[in-house]
Amino acid sequence: MDADPVAADVTGGRPIGVAIVDDHPVVIEGVRAWLASEPGLRVLAMGDDPDEVLRLAPSADVVLLDLRLHGRMALDKLAELSAAGHRVVVYSEHTEPETMLAALDAGAVAFLAKHEGREHCVATVLAAATDRPYVPPTLAGAMVGDPRPDRPTLSDKEREALLLWFQSMSKASVARRMRISEHTVKQYVDRARIKYTRAGRPAATKAALLARAIEDGLVRPEEIGIYRSQAQTDRPTP
């Protein structure tokens, strides 16, 4: 796979640094080999202690975190790392829909099942490093189903704004596509969040909101494409 041009732009051409946290040495070595073979990615540190790994690699662009460490679920540690500003990709064998959504609610930027292989692992890390969405098959399959009875009703503009935001890197690029102001885009996204909160299903993060939208049939996984943001040249209209 060729180096990702968007990633190169975002990082200034330097390799994307990745920290791997898992309590299975064989898994760590396998993932390290996958990532090391990808142009533009560099594994900075790995181990079974999140604090120690990040002490060795405090500037890692992405943290690949096993959700279960030493027999315990690491949701609290995930929330702590996310709150500290780390982009955390959860890498787990626990793929129950409620577990995946809990991880996204705790701040994970993506959820990857351990069986999904090199292609999806690399794609998820590259997307996470550049704040782009990526929906691996397991997450997509878990979230697609009959619309829930507590699904909020979104307007056409709210749904369009959400879809474009999920596809893009910034609200500025959404504003350009919709020919509206960036402030109006933010209003549409905020209204969707408020509606989910009122329905008893808050979505504090972009990843959680995407998961809920897929779960409710408001967005299809195949609609989540990746395109280069035009945010630097956007001039939103009022």
C-alpha atoms as a PDB file:
ATOM      1  CA  MET A   1       0.000   0.000   0.000  1.00  0.00           C
ATOM      2  CA  ASP A   2       1.322   3.438  -0.910  1.00  0.00           C
ATOM      3  CA  ALA A   3       1.835   6.093   1.744  1.00  0.00           C
ATOM      4  CA  ASP A   4      -1.329   7.997   2.602  1.00  0.00           C
ATOM      5  CA  PRO A   5      -1.081  11.534   1.122  1.00  0.00           C
ATOM      6  CA  VAL A   6      -3.587  12.985   3.593  1.00  0.00           C
ATOM      7  CA  ALA A   7      -1.617  11.535   6.500  1.00  0.00           C
ATOM      8  CA  ALA A   8       1.565  13.015   5.071  1.00  0.00           C
ATOM      9  CA  ASP A   9      -0.075  16.437   4.889  1.00  0.00           C
ATOM     10  CA  VAL A  10      -1.407  16.260   8.437  1.00  0.00           C
ATOM     11  CA  THR A  11       1.869  15.061   9.994  1.00  0.00           C
ATOM     12  CA  GLY A  12       4.127  17.247   7.889  1.00  0.00           C
ATOM     13  CA  GLY A  13       5.628  14.234   6.170  1.00  0.00           C
ATOM     14  CA  ARG A  14       6.861  12.509   9.308  1.00  0.00           C
ATOM     15  CA  PRO A  15       5.824   8.919  10.068  1.00  0.00           C
ATOM     16  CA  ILE A  16       2.650   8.388  12.084  1.00  0.00           C
ATOM     17  CA  GLY A  17       3.669   7.173  15.524  1.00  0.00           C
ATOM     18  CA  VAL A  18       1.734   4.282  17.048  1.00  0.00           C
ATOM     19  CA  ALA A  19       1.760   2.878  20.593  1.00  0.00           C
ATOM     20  CA  ILE A  20       0.464  -0.674  21.086  1.00  0.00           C
ATOM     21  CA  VAL A  21      -1.016  -1.812  24.411  1.00  0.00           C
ATOM     22  CA  ASP A  22      -1.886  -5.507  24.752  1.00  0.00           C
ATOM     23  CA  ASP A  23      -1.150  -8.203  27.324  1.00  0.00           C
ATOM     24  CA  HIS A  24      -0.497 -10.906  24.724  1.00  0.00           C
ATOM     25  CA  PRO A  25       3.079 -10.752  23.336  1.00  0.00           C
ATOM     26  CA  VAL A  26       2.145 -12.763  20.255  1.00  0.00           C
ATOM     27  CA  VAL A  27      -0.613 -10.284  19.385  1.00  0.00           C
ATOM     28  CA  ILE A  28       1.733  -7.343  19.925  1.00  0.00           C
ATOM     29  CA  GLU A  29       4.339  -8.841  17.618  1.00  0.00           C
ATOM     30  CA  GLY A  30       1.780  -9.578  14.933  1.00  0.00           C
ATOM     31  CA  VAL A  31       0.341  -6.069  14.991  1.00  0.00           C
ATOM     32  CA  ARG A  32       3.828  -4.539  15.111  1.00  0.00           C
ATOM     33  CA  ALA A  33       4.765  -6.474  11.977  1.00  0.00           C
ATOM     34  CA  TRP A  34       1.612  -5.315  10.177  1.00  0.00           C
ATOM     35  CA  LEU A  35       2.204  -1.672  11.015  1.00  0.00           C
ATOM     36  CA  ALA A  36       5.966  -1.752  10.448  1.00  0.00           C
ATOM     37  CA  SER A  37       5.410  -2.945   6.883  1.00  0.00           C
ATOM     38  CA  GLU A  38       3.242   0.071   6.068  1.00  0.00           C
ATOM     39  CA  PRO A  39       4.936   3.187   4.606  1.00  0.00           C
ATOM     40  CA  GLY A  40       4.362   6.159   6.852  1.00  0.00           C
ATOM     41  CA  LEU A  41       3.703   4.211  10.072  1.00  0.00           C
ATOM     42  CA  ARG A  42       6.159   3.701  12.905  1.00  0.00           C
ATOM     43  CA  VAL A  43       5.635   1.716  16.110  1.00  0.00           C
ATOM     44  CA  LEU A  44       7.103   3.827  18.920  1.00  0.00           C
ATOM     45  CA  ALA A  45       6.401   1.649  21.954  1.00  0.00           C
ATOM     46  CA  MET A  46       4.519  -1.466  22.962  1.00  0.00           C
ATOM     47  CA  GLY A  47       3.670  -3.333  26.135  1.00  0.00           C
ATOM     48  CA  ASP A  48       0.923  -4.360  28.533  1.00  0.00           C
ATOM     49  CA  ASP A  49       0.853  -1.233  30.734  1.00  0.00           C
ATOM     50  CA  PRO A  50      -0.779   1.832  29.128  1.00  0.00           C
ATOM     51  CA  ASP A  51       0.987   4.287  31.425  1.00  0.00           C
ATOM     52  CA  GLU A  52       4.411   2.785  30.792  1.00  0.00           C
ATOM     53  CA  VAL A  53       3.879   2.553  27.038  1.00  0.00           C
ATOM     54  CA  LEU A  54       2.852   6.206  26.854  1.00  0.00           C
ATOM     55  CA  ARG A  55       5.737   7.222  29.097  1.00  0.00           C
ATOM     56  CA  LEU A  56       7.985   5.775  26.397  1.00  0.00           C
ATOM     57  CA  ALA A  57       5.954   7.282  23.548  1.00  0.00           C
ATOM     58  CA  PRO A  58       4.132  10.386  24.842  1.00  0.00           C
ATOM     59  CA  SER A  59       3.826  11.864  21.353  1.00  0.00           C
ATOM     60  CA  ALA A  60       2.231   8.811  19.719  1.00  0.00           C
ATOM     61  CA  ASP A  61      -0.371   9.875  17.172  1.00  0.00           C
ATOM     62  CA  VAL A  62      -2.482   6.759  17.777  1.00  0.00           C
ATOM     63  CA  VAL A  63      -2.785   4.371  20.720  1.00  0.00           C
ATOM     64  CA  LEU A  64      -3.924   0.864  19.786  1.00  0.00           C
ATOM     65  CA  LEU A  65      -5.485  -0.443  23.010  1.00  0.00           C
ATOM     66  CA  ASP A  66      -6.700  -3.924  23.900  1.00  0.00           C
ATOM     67  CA  LEU A  67      -9.935  -3.348  25.788  1.00  0.00           C
ATOM     68  CA  ARG A  68      -9.284  -6.205  28.215  1.00  0.00           C
ATOM     69  CA  LEU A  69      -5.954  -6.116  30.067  1.00  0.00           C
ATOM     70  CA  HIS A  70      -4.894  -8.662  32.687  1.00  0.00           C
ATOM     71  CA  GLY A  71      -8.419 -10.027  32.972  1.00  0.00           C
ATOM     72  CA  ARG A  72     -10.150  -6.676  33.449  1.00  0.00           C
ATOM     73  CA  MET A  73     -12.003  -4.384  31.071  1.00  0.00           C
ATOM     74  CA  ALA A  74     -10.054  -1.166  30.544  1.00  0.00           C
ATOM     75  CA  LEU A  75     -12.921   1.250  29.876  1.00  0.00           C
ATOM     76  CA  ASP A  76     -11.815   3.587  32.667  1.00  0.00           C
ATOM     77  CA  LYS A  77      -8.269   3.713  31.284  1.00  0.00           C
ATOM     78  CA  LEU A  78      -9.684   4.266  27.796  1.00  0.00           C
ATOM     79  CA  ALA A  79     -11.710   7.225  29.056  1.00  0.00           C
ATOM     80  CA  GLU A  80      -8.651   8.599  30.858  1.00  0.00           C
ATOM     81  CA  LEU A  81      -6.448   8.368  27.769  1.00  0.00           C
ATOM     82  CA  SER A  82      -9.116   9.910  25.554  1.00  0.00           C
ATOM     83  CA  ALA A  83      -9.682  12.764  27.998  1.00  0.00           C
ATOM     84  CA  ALA A  84      -5.933  13.423  27.940  1.00  0.00           C
ATOM     85  CA  GLY A  85      -6.138  13.987  24.192  1.00  0.00           C
ATOM     86  CA  HIS A  86      -4.905  10.654  22.861  1.00  0.00           C
ATOM     87  CA  ARG A  87      -6.477   9.156  19.747  1.00  0.00           C
ATOM     88  CA  VAL A  88      -7.325   5.668  20.965  1.00  0.00           C
ATOM     89  CA  VAL A  89      -8.288   2.816  18.666  1.00  0.00           C
ATOM     90  CA  VAL A  90      -9.746  -0.077  20.643  1.00  0.00           C
ATOM     91  CA  TYR A  91      -8.481  -3.440  19.380  1.00  0.00           C
ATOM     92  CA  SER A  92     -10.483  -6.232  20.954  1.00  0.00           C
ATOM     93  CA  GLU A  93     -11.937  -9.715  20.653  1.00  0.00           C
ATOM     94  CA  HIS A  94     -15.015  -8.550  22.586  1.00  0.00           C
ATOM     95  CA  THR A  95     -17.345  -7.496  19.779  1.00  0.00           C
ATOM     96  CA  GLU A  96     -20.761  -7.367  21.413  1.00  0.00           C
ATOM     97  CA  PRO A  97     -22.604  -4.250  20.164  1.00  0.00           C
ATOM     98  CA  GLU A  98     -22.955  -2.895  23.702  1.00  0.00           C
ATOM     99  CA  THR A  99     -19.205  -3.282  24.280  1.00  0.00           C
ATOM    100  CA  MET A 100     -18.322  -1.500  21.049  1.00  0.00           C
ATOM    101  CA  LEU A 101     -20.684   1.362  21.781  1.00  0.00           C
ATOM    102  CA  ALA A 102     -19.393   1.638  25.359  1.00  0.00           C
ATOM    103  CA  ALA A 103     -15.866   1.987  23.988  1.00  0.00           C
ATOM    104  CA  LEU A 104     -16.924   4.706  21.562  1.00  0.00           C
ATOM    105  CA  ASP A 105     -18.841   6.487  24.322  1.00  0.00           C
ATOM    106  CA  ALA A 106     -15.698   6.360  26.472  1.00  0.00           C
ATOM    107  CA  GLY A 107     -13.819   8.265  23.793  1.00  0.00           C
ATOM    108  CA  ALA A 108     -12.350   5.706  21.389  1.00  0.00           C
ATOM    109  CA  VAL A 109     -12.027   7.104  17.876  1.00  0.00           C
ATOM    110  CA  ALA A 110     -12.584   3.649  16.369  1.00  0.00           C
ATOM    111  CA  PHE A 111     -13.248   0.027  17.303  1.00  0.00           C
ATOM    112  CA  LEU A 112     -11.422  -2.799  15.537  1.00  0.00           C
ATOM    113  CA  ALA A 113     -12.032  -6.510  16.056  1.00  0.00           C
ATOM    114  CA  LYS A 114      -8.880  -8.581  16.471  1.00  0.00           C
ATOM    115  CA  HIS A 115      -9.874 -10.982  13.728  1.00  0.00           C
ATOM    116  CA  GLU A 116     -10.205  -8.307  11.053  1.00  0.00           C
ATOM    117  CA  GLY A 117      -6.647  -8.544   9.786  1.00  0.00           C
ATOM    118  CA  ARG A 118      -3.880  -6.318   8.516  1.00  0.00           C
ATOM    119  CA  GLU A 119      -5.823  -4.346   5.909  1.00  0.00           C
ATOM    120  CA  HIS A 120      -8.438  -3.080   8.342  1.00  0.00           C
ATOM    121  CA  CYS A 121      -5.898  -2.545  11.116  1.00  0.00           C
ATOM    122  CA  VAL A 122      -3.720  -0.323   8.924  1.00  0.00           C
ATOM    123  CA  ALA A 123      -6.710   1.528   7.450  1.00  0.00           C
ATOM    124  CA  THR A 124      -8.150   2.210  10.905  1.00  0.00           C
ATOM    125  CA  VAL A 125      -4.850   3.541  12.273  1.00  0.00           C
ATOM    126  CA  LEU A 126      -4.297   5.789   9.245  1.00  0.00           C
ATOM    127  CA  ALA A 127      -7.832   7.155   9.500  1.00  0.00           C
ATOM    128  CA  ALA A 128      -7.550   7.720  13.260  1.00  0.00           C
ATOM    129  CA  ALA A 129      -4.272   9.602  12.931  1.00  0.00           C
ATOM    130  CA  THR A 130      -5.849  12.080  10.551  1.00  0.00           C
ATOM    131  CA  ASP A 131      -9.230  12.344  12.300  1.00  0.00           C
ATOM    132  CA  ARG A 132     -11.034  10.601   9.446  1.00  0.00           C
ATOM    133  CA  PRO A 133     -13.808   8.039   9.903  1.00  0.00           C
ATOM    134  CA  TYR A 134     -13.356   4.364   9.166  1.00  0.00           C
ATOM    135  CA  VAL A 135     -15.986   1.714   9.851  1.00  0.00           C
ATOM    136  CA  PRO A 136     -14.496  -1.807   9.947  1.00  0.00           C
ATOM    137  CA  PRO A 137     -16.850  -4.650   8.967  1.00  0.00           C
ATOM    138  CA  THR A 138     -17.489  -5.944  12.490  1.00  0.00           C
ATOM    139  CA  LEU A 139     -18.557  -2.535  13.773  1.00  0.00           C
ATOM    140  CA  ALA A 140     -20.695  -1.949  10.705  1.00  0.00           C
ATOM    141  CA  GLY A 141     -22.356  -5.352  11.014  1.00  0.00           C
ATOM    142  CA  ALA A 142     -23.124  -4.870  14.687  1.00  0.00           C
ATOM    143  CA  MET A 143     -24.661  -1.460  14.169  1.00  0.00           C
ATOM    144  CA  VAL A 144     -26.783  -2.186  11.107  1.00  0.00           C
ATOM    145  CA  GLY A 145     -30.238  -3.488  11.882  1.00  0.00           C
ATOM    146  CA  ASP A 146     -33.835  -2.506  12.294  1.00  0.00           C
ATOM    147  CA  PRO A 147     -34.209   1.112  13.419  1.00  0.00           C
ATOM    148  CA  ARG A 148     -34.638   1.392  17.157  1.00  0.00           C
ATOM    149  CA  PRO A 149     -37.962   2.638  18.509  1.00  0.00           C
ATOM    150  CA  ASP A 150     -36.112   5.441  20.308  1.00  0.00           C
ATOM    151  CA  ARG A 151     -34.463   6.664  17.111  1.00  0.00           C
ATOM    152  CA  PRO A 152     -34.592  10.465  16.994  1.00  0.00           C
ATOM    153  CA  THR A 153     -36.125  12.145  13.967  1.00  0.00           C
ATOM    154  CA  LEU A 154     -33.562  14.221  12.093  1.00  0.00           C
ATOM    155  CA  SER A 155     -34.362  16.767   9.422  1.00  0.00           C
ATOM    156  CA  ASP A 156     -32.983  16.265   5.915  1.00  0.00           C
ATOM    157  CA  LYS A 157     -30.437  19.034   6.510  1.00  0.00           C
ATOM    158  CA  GLU A 158     -29.346  17.555   9.833  1.00  0.00           C
ATOM    159  CA  ARG A 159     -28.852  14.146   8.258  1.00  0.00           C
ATOM    160  CA  GLU A 160     -26.978  15.645   5.284  1.00  0.00           C
ATOM    161  CA  ALA A 161     -24.701  17.631   7.600  1.00  0.00           C
ATOM    162  CA  LEU A 162     -23.993  14.547   9.703  1.00  0.00           C
ATOM    163  CA  LEU A 163     -23.201  12.395   6.686  1.00  0.00           C
ATOM    164  CA  LEU A 164     -20.822  14.956   5.201  1.00  0.00           C
ATOM    165  CA  TRP A 165     -19.195  15.513   8.592  1.00  0.00           C
ATOM    166  CA  PHE A 166     -18.678  11.774   9.013  1.00  0.00           C
ATOM    167  CA  GLN A 167     -17.093  11.693   5.550  1.00  0.00           C
ATOM    168  CA  SER A 168     -14.857  14.715   6.000  1.00  0.00           C
ATOM    169  CA  MET A 169     -12.166  16.099   8.262  1.00  0.00           C
ATOM    170  CA  SER A 170     -13.813  19.345   9.339  1.00  0.00           C
ATOM    171  CA  LYS A 171     -17.041  21.272   9.621  1.00  0.00           C
ATOM    172  CA  ALA A 172     -15.498  23.852   7.279  1.00  0.00           C
ATOM    173  CA  SER A 173     -15.443  21.361   4.419  1.00  0.00           C
ATOM    174  CA  VAL A 174     -19.061  20.429   5.182  1.00  0.00           C
ATOM    175  CA  ALA A 175     -20.008  24.105   5.001  1.00  0.00           C
ATOM    176  CA  ARG A 176     -18.381  24.331   1.589  1.00  0.00           C
ATOM    177  CA  ARG A 177     -20.247  21.292   0.292  1.00  0.00           C
ATOM    178  CA  MET A 178     -23.616  22.491   1.629  1.00  0.00           C
ATOM    179  CA  ARG A 179     -23.034  26.166   0.758  1.00  0.00           C
ATOM    180  CA  ILE A 180     -23.848  27.302   4.264  1.00  0.00           C
ATOM    181  CA  SER A 181     -21.836  28.802   7.099  1.00  0.00           C
ATOM    182  CA  GLU A 182     -19.686  26.707   9.397  1.00  0.00           C
ATOM    183  CA  HIS A 183     -21.801  27.984  12.294  1.00  0.00           C
ATOM    184  CA  THR A 184     -24.915  26.521  10.676  1.00  0.00           C
ATOM    185  CA  VAL A 185     -23.166  23.173  10.224  1.00  0.00           C
ATOM    186  CA  LYS A 186     -22.316  23.177  13.919  1.00  0.00           C
ATOM    187  CA  GLN A 187     -25.958  23.919  14.735  1.00  0.00           C
ATOM    188  CA  TYR A 188     -27.137  20.930  12.686  1.00  0.00           C
ATOM    189  CA  VAL A 189     -24.648  18.600  14.406  1.00  0.00           C
ATOM    190  CA  ASP A 190     -25.484  19.982  17.846  1.00  0.00           C
ATOM    191  CA  ARG A 191     -29.212  19.520  17.205  1.00  0.00           C
ATOM    192  CA  ALA A 192     -28.611  15.873  16.327  1.00  0.00           C
ATOM    193  CA  ARG A 193     -26.650  15.387  19.560  1.00  0.00           C
ATOM    194  CA  ILE A 194     -29.419  17.040  21.578  1.00  0.00           C
ATOM    195  CA  LYS A 195     -32.049  14.804  19.980  1.00  0.00           C
ATOM    196  CA  TYR A 196     -30.030  11.695  20.855  1.00  0.00           C
ATOM    197  CA  THR A 197     -29.578  12.934  24.412  1.00  0.00           C
ATOM    198  CA  ARG A 198     -33.315  13.530  24.768  1.00  0.00           C
ATOM    199  CA  ALA A 199     -33.914   9.997  23.471  1.00  0.00           C
ATOM    200  CA  GLY A 200     -31.747   8.680  26.303  1.00  0.00           C
ATOM    201  CA  ARG A 201     -28.897   7.747  23.970  1.00  0.00           C
ATOM    202  CA  PRO A 202     -26.275  10.501  24.303  1.00  0.00           C
ATOM    203  CA  ALA A 203     -23.378  10.529  21.852  1.00  0.00           C
ATOM    204  CA  ALA A 204     -20.573  12.676  23.199  1.00  0.00           C
ATOM    205  CA  THR A 205     -18.005  11.829  20.531  1.00  0.00           C
ATOM    206  CA  LYS A 206     -18.023  11.823  16.746  1.00  0.00           C
ATOM    207  CA  ALA A 207     -17.381   8.077  16.708  1.00  0.00           C
ATOM    208  CA  ALA A 208     -20.299   7.418  19.066  1.00  0.00           C
ATOM    209  CA  LEU A 209     -22.609   9.629  17.021  1.00  0.00           C
ATOM    210  CA  LEU A 210     -21.580   7.784  13.847  1.00  0.00           C
ATOM    211  CA  ALA A 211     -22.260   4.426  15.502  1.00  0.00           C
ATOM    212  CA  ARG A 212     -25.713   5.536  16.616  1.00  0.00           C
ATOM    213  CA  ALA A 213     -26.537   6.915  13.168  1.00  0.00           C
ATOM    214  CA  ILE A 214     -25.540   3.615  11.552  1.00  0.00           C
ATOM    215  CA  GLU A 215     -27.464   1.673  14.192  1.00  0.00           C
ATOM    216  CA  ASP A 216     -30.587   3.676  13.404  1.00  0.00           C
ATOM    217  CA  GLY A 217     -30.275   3.389   9.644  1.00  0.00           C
ATOM    218  CA  LEU A 218     -29.730   7.134   9.252  1.00  0.00           C
ATOM    219  CA  VAL A 219     -26.353   6.481   7.635  1.00  0.00           C
ATOM    220  CA  ARG A 220     -25.136   3.395   5.788  1.00  0.00           C
ATOM    221  CA  PRO A 221     -21.553   2.176   6.345  1.00  0.00           C
ATOM    222  CA  GLU A 222     -20.884   2.257   2.607  1.00  0.00           C
ATOM    223  CA  GLU A 223     -21.721   5.975   2.581  1.00  0.00           C
ATOM    224  CA  ILE A 224     -18.764   6.739   4.814  1.00  0.00           C
ATOM    225  CA  GLY A 225     -16.148   7.508   2.191  1.00  0.00           C
ATOM    226  CA  ILE A 226     -12.906   9.364   2.685  1.00  0.00           C
ATOM    227  CA  TYR A 227     -11.973  12.397   0.666  1.00  0.00           C
ATOM    228  CA  ARG A 228      -9.343  15.035   1.076  1.00  0.00           C
ATOM    229  CA  SER A 229     -10.588  17.993   3.066  1.00  0.00           C
ATOM    230  CA  GLN A 230     -10.706  21.398   1.434  1.00  0.00           C
ATOM    231  CA  ALA A 231     -10.888  23.110   4.817  1.00  0.00           C
ATOM    232  CA  GLN A 232      -7.972  25.439   4.118  1.00  0.00           C
ATOM    233  CA  THR A 233      -9.711  26.877   1.059  1.00  0.00           C
ATOM    234  CA  ASP A 234     -13.255  26.827   2.370  1.00  0.00           C
ATOM    235  CA  ARG A 235     -15.116  30.112   2.338  1.00  0.00           C
ATOM    236  CA  PRO A 236     -18.502  29.346   3.877  1.00  0.00           C
ATOM    237  CA  THR A 237     -21.405  31.434   2.657  1.00  0.00           C
ATOM    238  CA  PRO A 238     -23.823  32.964   5.189  1.00  0.00           C
END
